[in-house]
Amino acid sequence: MLAYALKHRQAVDSVTQDCVLGLRSFELDNKEWNLLEQLHNVLKDATLYFLCGTPNLAAVIPAMDLMDEKLTTFSLNCKYSPTIRAAISLAKRTLNRYYQLTDSSEVYRIAMVLHPRRKLNYFKNAKWEESWINTAKQLVKDAFEHSYLTMETDDHDNISEGGLKNVCYWLFTMVYTSANTCVYSGQYL
């Protein structure tokens, strides 16, 4: 919407300047148009990021990390007005509040560790503390042991007949027993 308004600034100005239409109170001055342009620059990357691909649990933390990095960069950039930088700081504070909420649910970290492209490498590359990385690893092991290690099924290889429980068993089994590696070997992770 911002891109559209900026692209058609002349038309928007014409419509809001027309006294007959009664939209004069919505007319923007040059300073407000400049703020709109800055806001568009800040939001366009995030908008494009979220329009691409399919959201999933394994993408939540990396997306939040990327947004935090971008918001930090924008908030320190003096080319943006103090108004925009203050708004960015508030957005960053809100994002951090939501980020902290991911700690109350183990599924985000488990999903990332089980994701074939992420595994524990994401946490290491993001320079997470070693204790946090170990916690993520332990969460996956605990989930496997609690829900699937002792699970008995008639046919582990036929996931189509066993429903969700067999799918989950199959996923954890593939993760931990591929190439005959032990569940604690860490080769997958």
C-alpha atoms as a PDB file:
ATOM      1  CA  MET A   1       0.000   0.000   0.000  1.00  0.00           C
ATOM      2  CA  LEU A   2       2.840   2.390   0.814  1.00  0.00           C
ATOM      3  CA  ALA A   3       4.551   1.610  -2.480  1.00  0.00           C
ATOM      4  CA  TYR A   4       1.321   2.329  -4.331  1.00  0.00           C
ATOM      5  CA  ALA A   5       0.778   5.646  -2.546  1.00  0.00           C
ATOM      6  CA  LEU A   6       4.376   6.701  -3.189  1.00  0.00           C
ATOM      7  CA  LYS A   7       4.187   5.719  -6.833  1.00  0.00           C
ATOM      8  CA  HIS A   8       0.982   7.729  -7.249  1.00  0.00           C
ATOM      9  CA  ARG A   9       1.907  10.649  -5.032  1.00  0.00           C
ATOM     10  CA  GLN A  10       0.789  13.240  -7.558  1.00  0.00           C
ATOM     11  CA  ALA A  11      -2.667  11.661  -7.849  1.00  0.00           C
ATOM     12  CA  VAL A  12      -2.998  11.309  -4.057  1.00  0.00           C
ATOM     13  CA  ASP A  13      -2.030  14.972  -3.624  1.00  0.00           C
ATOM     14  CA  SER A  14      -4.569  16.025  -6.264  1.00  0.00           C
ATOM     15  CA  VAL A  15      -7.395  14.099  -4.628  1.00  0.00           C
ATOM     16  CA  THR A  16      -6.638  15.314  -1.096  1.00  0.00           C
ATOM     17  CA  GLN A  17      -6.226  18.944  -2.217  1.00  0.00           C
ATOM     18  CA  ASP A  18      -9.673  19.045  -3.799  1.00  0.00           C
ATOM     19  CA  CYS A  19     -11.885  20.918  -1.320  1.00  0.00           C
ATOM     20  CA  VAL A  20     -15.061  19.527  -2.867  1.00  0.00           C
ATOM     21  CA  LEU A  21     -14.129  15.977  -1.880  1.00  0.00           C
ATOM     22  CA  GLY A  22     -13.616  16.922   1.776  1.00  0.00           C
ATOM     23  CA  LEU A  23     -10.311  15.073   2.068  1.00  0.00           C
ATOM     24  CA  ARG A  24      -8.163  18.097   2.862  1.00  0.00           C
ATOM     25  CA  SER A  25      -7.408  16.804   6.376  1.00  0.00           C
ATOM     26  CA  PHE A  26      -5.697  13.766   4.807  1.00  0.00           C
ATOM     27  CA  GLU A  27      -3.321  15.839   2.695  1.00  0.00           C
ATOM     28  CA  LEU A  28       0.350  15.091   3.347  1.00  0.00           C
ATOM     29  CA  ASP A  29       3.065  17.732   3.379  1.00  0.00           C
ATOM     30  CA  ASN A  30       6.604  17.113   2.112  1.00  0.00           C
ATOM     31  CA  LYS A  31       7.849  16.070   5.553  1.00  0.00           C
ATOM     32  CA  GLU A  32       5.075  13.464   5.851  1.00  0.00           C
ATOM     33  CA  TRP A  33       5.794  12.150   2.342  1.00  0.00           C
ATOM     34  CA  ASN A  34       9.451  11.829   3.356  1.00  0.00           C
ATOM     35  CA  LEU A  35       8.453   9.834   6.466  1.00  0.00           C
ATOM     36  CA  LEU A  36       6.273   7.632   4.281  1.00  0.00           C
ATOM     37  CA  GLU A  37       9.221   6.986   1.962  1.00  0.00           C
ATOM     38  CA  GLN A  38      11.469   6.086   4.910  1.00  0.00           C
ATOM     39  CA  LEU A  39       8.826   3.802   6.393  1.00  0.00           C
ATOM     40  CA  HIS A  40       8.453   2.095   3.033  1.00  0.00           C
ATOM     41  CA  ASN A  41      12.225   1.497   2.883  1.00  0.00           C
ATOM     42  CA  VAL A  42      12.173  -0.077   6.337  1.00  0.00           C
ATOM     43  CA  LEU A  43       9.148  -2.308   5.738  1.00  0.00           C
ATOM     44  CA  LYS A  44       9.709  -3.445   2.149  1.00  0.00           C
ATOM     45  CA  ASP A  45      12.328  -6.112   2.953  1.00  0.00           C
ATOM     46  CA  ALA A  46      10.182  -7.652   5.672  1.00  0.00           C
ATOM     47  CA  THR A  47       7.140  -7.585   3.416  1.00  0.00           C
ATOM     48  CA  LEU A  48       9.007  -9.317   0.602  1.00  0.00           C
ATOM     49  CA  TYR A  49      10.488 -11.857   3.006  1.00  0.00           C
ATOM     50  CA  PHE A  50       7.093 -12.895   4.301  1.00  0.00           C
ATOM     51  CA  LEU A  51       5.510 -12.979   0.863  1.00  0.00           C
ATOM     52  CA  CYS A  52       8.056 -15.551  -0.328  1.00  0.00           C
ATOM     53  CA  GLY A  53       7.832 -19.170   0.672  1.00  0.00           C
ATOM     54  CA  THR A  54       5.638 -21.041   3.067  1.00  0.00           C
ATOM     55  CA  PRO A  55       5.808 -20.239   6.776  1.00  0.00           C
ATOM     56  CA  ASN A  56       6.720 -23.106   9.078  1.00  0.00           C
ATOM     57  CA  LEU A  57       7.920 -23.587  12.627  1.00  0.00           C
ATOM     58  CA  ALA A  58      11.542 -24.056  11.604  1.00  0.00           C
ATOM     59  CA  ALA A  59      11.484 -20.596   9.993  1.00  0.00           C
ATOM     60  CA  VAL A  60      10.139 -18.649  12.984  1.00  0.00           C
ATOM     61  CA  ILE A  61      13.384 -18.131  14.916  1.00  0.00           C
ATOM     62  CA  PRO A  62      15.536 -17.387  11.836  1.00  0.00           C
ATOM     63  CA  ALA A  63      12.896 -14.896  10.658  1.00  0.00           C
ATOM     64  CA  MET A  64      12.896 -13.207  14.047  1.00  0.00           C
ATOM     65  CA  ASP A  65      16.702 -13.113  14.047  1.00  0.00           C
ATOM     66  CA  LEU A  66      16.712 -11.525  10.594  1.00  0.00           C
ATOM     67  CA  MET A  67      14.090  -8.952  11.588  1.00  0.00           C
ATOM     68  CA  ASP A  68      16.018  -8.126  14.764  1.00  0.00           C
ATOM     69  CA  GLU A  69      19.207  -7.615  12.754  1.00  0.00           C
ATOM     70  CA  LYS A  70      17.451  -5.375  10.224  1.00  0.00           C
ATOM     71  CA  LEU A  71      15.603  -3.378  12.879  1.00  0.00           C
ATOM     72  CA  THR A  72      18.849  -2.823  14.772  1.00  0.00           C
ATOM     73  CA  THR A  73      20.563  -1.581  11.617  1.00  0.00           C
ATOM     74  CA  PHE A  74      17.667   0.727  10.720  1.00  0.00           C
ATOM     75  CA  SER A  75      17.340   2.104  14.263  1.00  0.00           C
ATOM     76  CA  LEU A  76      20.989   3.180  14.238  1.00  0.00           C
ATOM     77  CA  ASN A  77      20.925   4.661  10.729  1.00  0.00           C
ATOM     78  CA  CYS A  78      20.866   8.468  10.949  1.00  0.00           C
ATOM     79  CA  LYS A  79      19.456   8.805   7.437  1.00  0.00           C
ATOM     80  CA  TYR A  80      16.078   7.951   8.977  1.00  0.00           C
ATOM     81  CA  SER A  81      14.201  10.581  10.915  1.00  0.00           C
ATOM     82  CA  PRO A  82      14.057  10.355  14.721  1.00  0.00           C
ATOM     83  CA  THR A  83      10.339   9.528  14.383  1.00  0.00           C
ATOM     84  CA  ILE A  84      11.059   6.481  12.202  1.00  0.00           C
ATOM     85  CA  ARG A  85      13.953   5.366  14.411  1.00  0.00           C
ATOM     86  CA  ALA A  86      11.749   5.634  17.512  1.00  0.00           C
ATOM     87  CA  ALA A  87       9.044   3.554  15.804  1.00  0.00           C
ATOM     88  CA  ILE A  88      11.674   0.991  14.806  1.00  0.00           C
ATOM     89  CA  SER A  89      12.889   0.795  18.411  1.00  0.00           C
ATOM     90  CA  LEU A  90       9.336   0.119  19.574  1.00  0.00           C
ATOM     91  CA  ALA A  91       8.939  -2.568  16.904  1.00  0.00           C
ATOM     92  CA  LYS A  92      12.225  -4.136  18.023  1.00  0.00           C
ATOM     93  CA  ARG A  93      11.044  -4.177  21.638  1.00  0.00           C
ATOM     94  CA  THR A  94       7.794  -5.866  20.585  1.00  0.00           C
ATOM     95  CA  LEU A  95       9.682  -8.408  18.467  1.00  0.00           C
ATOM     96  CA  ASN A  96      11.935  -9.251  21.415  1.00  0.00           C
ATOM     97  CA  ARG A  97       8.897  -9.836  23.611  1.00  0.00           C
ATOM     98  CA  TYR A  98       7.581 -12.357  21.086  1.00  0.00           C
ATOM     99  CA  TYR A  99      11.047 -13.883  20.731  1.00  0.00           C
ATOM    100  CA  GLN A 100      11.140 -14.510  24.478  1.00  0.00           C
ATOM    101  CA  LEU A 101       7.814 -16.324  24.207  1.00  0.00           C
ATOM    102  CA  THR A 102       9.424 -18.937  21.947  1.00  0.00           C
ATOM    103  CA  ASP A 103      11.393 -20.061  25.007  1.00  0.00           C
ATOM    104  CA  SER A 104       8.150 -21.247  26.599  1.00  0.00           C
ATOM    105  CA  SER A 105       7.554 -23.734  23.776  1.00  0.00           C
ATOM    106  CA  GLU A 106      10.065 -26.392  22.860  1.00  0.00           C
ATOM    107  CA  VAL A 107       8.595 -27.019  19.409  1.00  0.00           C
ATOM    108  CA  TYR A 108      10.444 -24.116  17.755  1.00  0.00           C
ATOM    109  CA  ARG A 109      13.861 -25.441  18.697  1.00  0.00           C
ATOM    110  CA  ILE A 110      12.899 -29.057  18.007  1.00  0.00           C
ATOM    111  CA  ALA A 111      11.592 -28.107  14.561  1.00  0.00           C
ATOM    112  CA  MET A 112      14.815 -26.278  13.753  1.00  0.00           C
ATOM    113  CA  VAL A 113      17.021 -29.147  14.891  1.00  0.00           C
ATOM    114  CA  LEU A 114      14.993 -31.637  12.852  1.00  0.00           C
ATOM    115  CA  HIS A 115      14.986 -29.399   9.772  1.00  0.00           C
ATOM    116  CA  PRO A 116      17.468 -30.961   7.311  1.00  0.00           C
ATOM    117  CA  ARG A 117      19.018 -27.612   6.347  1.00  0.00           C
ATOM    118  CA  ARG A 118      19.216 -26.101   9.811  1.00  0.00           C
ATOM    119  CA  LYS A 119      20.011 -28.751  12.427  1.00  0.00           C
ATOM    120  CA  LEU A 120      22.245 -27.424  15.186  1.00  0.00           C
ATOM    121  CA  ASN A 121      24.331 -25.490  12.647  1.00  0.00           C
ATOM    122  CA  TYR A 122      21.902 -22.592  12.688  1.00  0.00           C
ATOM    123  CA  PHE A 123      22.380 -22.090  16.413  1.00  0.00           C
ATOM    124  CA  LYS A 124      26.154 -22.364  16.080  1.00  0.00           C
ATOM    125  CA  ASN A 125      26.305 -19.953  13.140  1.00  0.00           C
ATOM    126  CA  ALA A 126      24.057 -17.507  14.997  1.00  0.00           C
ATOM    127  CA  LYS A 127      26.557 -17.710  17.867  1.00  0.00           C
ATOM    128  CA  TRP A 128      24.073 -18.976  20.419  1.00  0.00           C
ATOM    129  CA  GLU A 129      25.582 -19.825  23.778  1.00  0.00           C
ATOM    130  CA  GLU A 130      26.804 -23.408  24.005  1.00  0.00           C
ATOM    131  CA  SER A 131      24.378 -24.139  26.855  1.00  0.00           C
ATOM    132  CA  TRP A 132      21.435 -23.067  24.636  1.00  0.00           C
ATOM    133  CA  ILE A 133      22.668 -25.304  21.821  1.00  0.00           C
ATOM    134  CA  ASN A 134      23.002 -28.219  24.228  1.00  0.00           C
ATOM    135  CA  THR A 135      19.489 -27.529  25.506  1.00  0.00           C
ATOM    136  CA  ALA A 136      18.092 -27.622  21.940  1.00  0.00           C
ATOM    137  CA  LYS A 137      19.875 -30.925  21.325  1.00  0.00           C
ATOM    138  CA  GLN A 138      18.609 -32.352  24.602  1.00  0.00           C
ATOM    139  CA  LEU A 139      15.029 -31.273  23.820  1.00  0.00           C
ATOM    140  CA  VAL A 140      15.061 -33.360  20.644  1.00  0.00           C
ATOM    141  CA  LYS A 141      16.550 -36.365  22.402  1.00  0.00           C
ATOM    142  CA  ASP A 142      14.036 -36.111  25.236  1.00  0.00           C
ATOM    143  CA  ALA A 143      11.111 -35.804  22.819  1.00  0.00           C
ATOM    144  CA  PHE A 144      12.305 -38.854  20.915  1.00  0.00           C
ATOM    145  CA  GLU A 145      12.811 -40.913  24.061  1.00  0.00           C
ATOM    146  CA  HIS A 146       9.510 -39.857  25.590  1.00  0.00           C
ATOM    147  CA  SER A 147       7.311 -40.332  22.553  1.00  0.00           C
ATOM    148  CA  TYR A 148       8.976 -42.712  20.134  1.00  0.00           C
ATOM    149  CA  LEU A 149      11.896 -44.752  21.473  1.00  0.00           C
ATOM    150  CA  THR A 150       9.734 -47.364  23.177  1.00  0.00           C
ATOM    151  CA  MET A 151       6.848 -47.109  20.737  1.00  0.00           C
ATOM    152  CA  GLU A 152       5.744 -50.405  19.298  1.00  0.00           C
ATOM    153  CA  THR A 153       4.251 -50.546  15.843  1.00  0.00           C
ATOM    154  CA  ASP A 154       3.614 -53.444  13.534  1.00  0.00           C
ATOM    155  CA  ASP A 155       5.287 -51.849  10.549  1.00  0.00           C
ATOM    156  CA  HIS A 156       7.701 -48.938  10.986  1.00  0.00           C
ATOM    157  CA  ASP A 157       8.342 -48.642   7.269  1.00  0.00           C
ATOM    158  CA  ASN A 158       4.710 -48.242   6.211  1.00  0.00           C
ATOM    159  CA  ILE A 159       3.846 -44.749   7.385  1.00  0.00           C
ATOM    160  CA  SER A 160       0.738 -44.419   5.225  1.00  0.00           C
ATOM    161  CA  GLU A 161      -1.231 -46.919   7.320  1.00  0.00           C
ATOM    162  CA  GLY A 162      -0.152 -45.807  10.781  1.00  0.00           C
ATOM    163  CA  GLY A 163      -1.322 -42.226  10.738  1.00  0.00           C
ATOM    164  CA  LEU A 164       0.443 -39.294  12.389  1.00  0.00           C
ATOM    165  CA  LYS A 165       2.051 -41.338  15.161  1.00  0.00           C
ATOM    166  CA  ASN A 166       3.816 -43.547  12.599  1.00  0.00           C
ATOM    167  CA  VAL A 167       4.860 -40.470  10.596  1.00  0.00           C
ATOM    168  CA  CYS A 168       6.436 -38.936  13.701  1.00  0.00           C
ATOM    169  CA  TYR A 169       8.072 -42.223  14.603  1.00  0.00           C
ATOM    170  CA  TRP A 170       9.407 -42.550  11.081  1.00  0.00           C
ATOM    171  CA  LEU A 171      10.748 -38.968  11.120  1.00  0.00           C
ATOM    172  CA  PHE A 172      12.548 -39.366  14.435  1.00  0.00           C
ATOM    173  CA  THR A 173      13.816 -42.804  13.426  1.00  0.00           C
ATOM    174  CA  MET A 174      15.177 -41.470  10.139  1.00  0.00           C
ATOM    175  CA  VAL A 175      16.858 -38.605  11.933  1.00  0.00           C
ATOM    176  CA  TYR A 176      18.518 -40.706  14.578  1.00  0.00           C
ATOM    177  CA  THR A 177      19.135 -44.041  12.939  1.00  0.00           C
ATOM    178  CA  SER A 178      20.150 -43.114   9.405  1.00  0.00           C
ATOM    179  CA  ALA A 179      23.315 -44.949   8.406  1.00  0.00           C
ATOM    180  CA  ASN A 180      22.990 -47.009  11.615  1.00  0.00           C
ATOM    181  CA  THR A 181      24.089 -44.123  13.821  1.00  0.00           C
ATOM    182  CA  CYS A 182      23.168 -44.168  17.476  1.00  0.00           C
ATOM    183  CA  VAL A 183      20.586 -41.736  18.769  1.00  0.00           C
ATOM    184  CA  TYR A 184      23.257 -40.023  20.835  1.00  0.00           C
ATOM    185  CA  SER A 185      26.028 -39.938  18.248  1.00  0.00           C
ATOM    186  CA  GLY A 186      25.181 -36.443  17.090  1.00  0.00           C
ATOM    187  CA  GLN A 187      26.129 -37.202  13.478  1.00  0.00           C
ATOM    188  CA  TYR A 188      22.795 -35.935  12.177  1.00  0.00           C
ATOM    189  CA  LEU A 189      22.708 -32.906  14.409  1.00  0.00           C
END
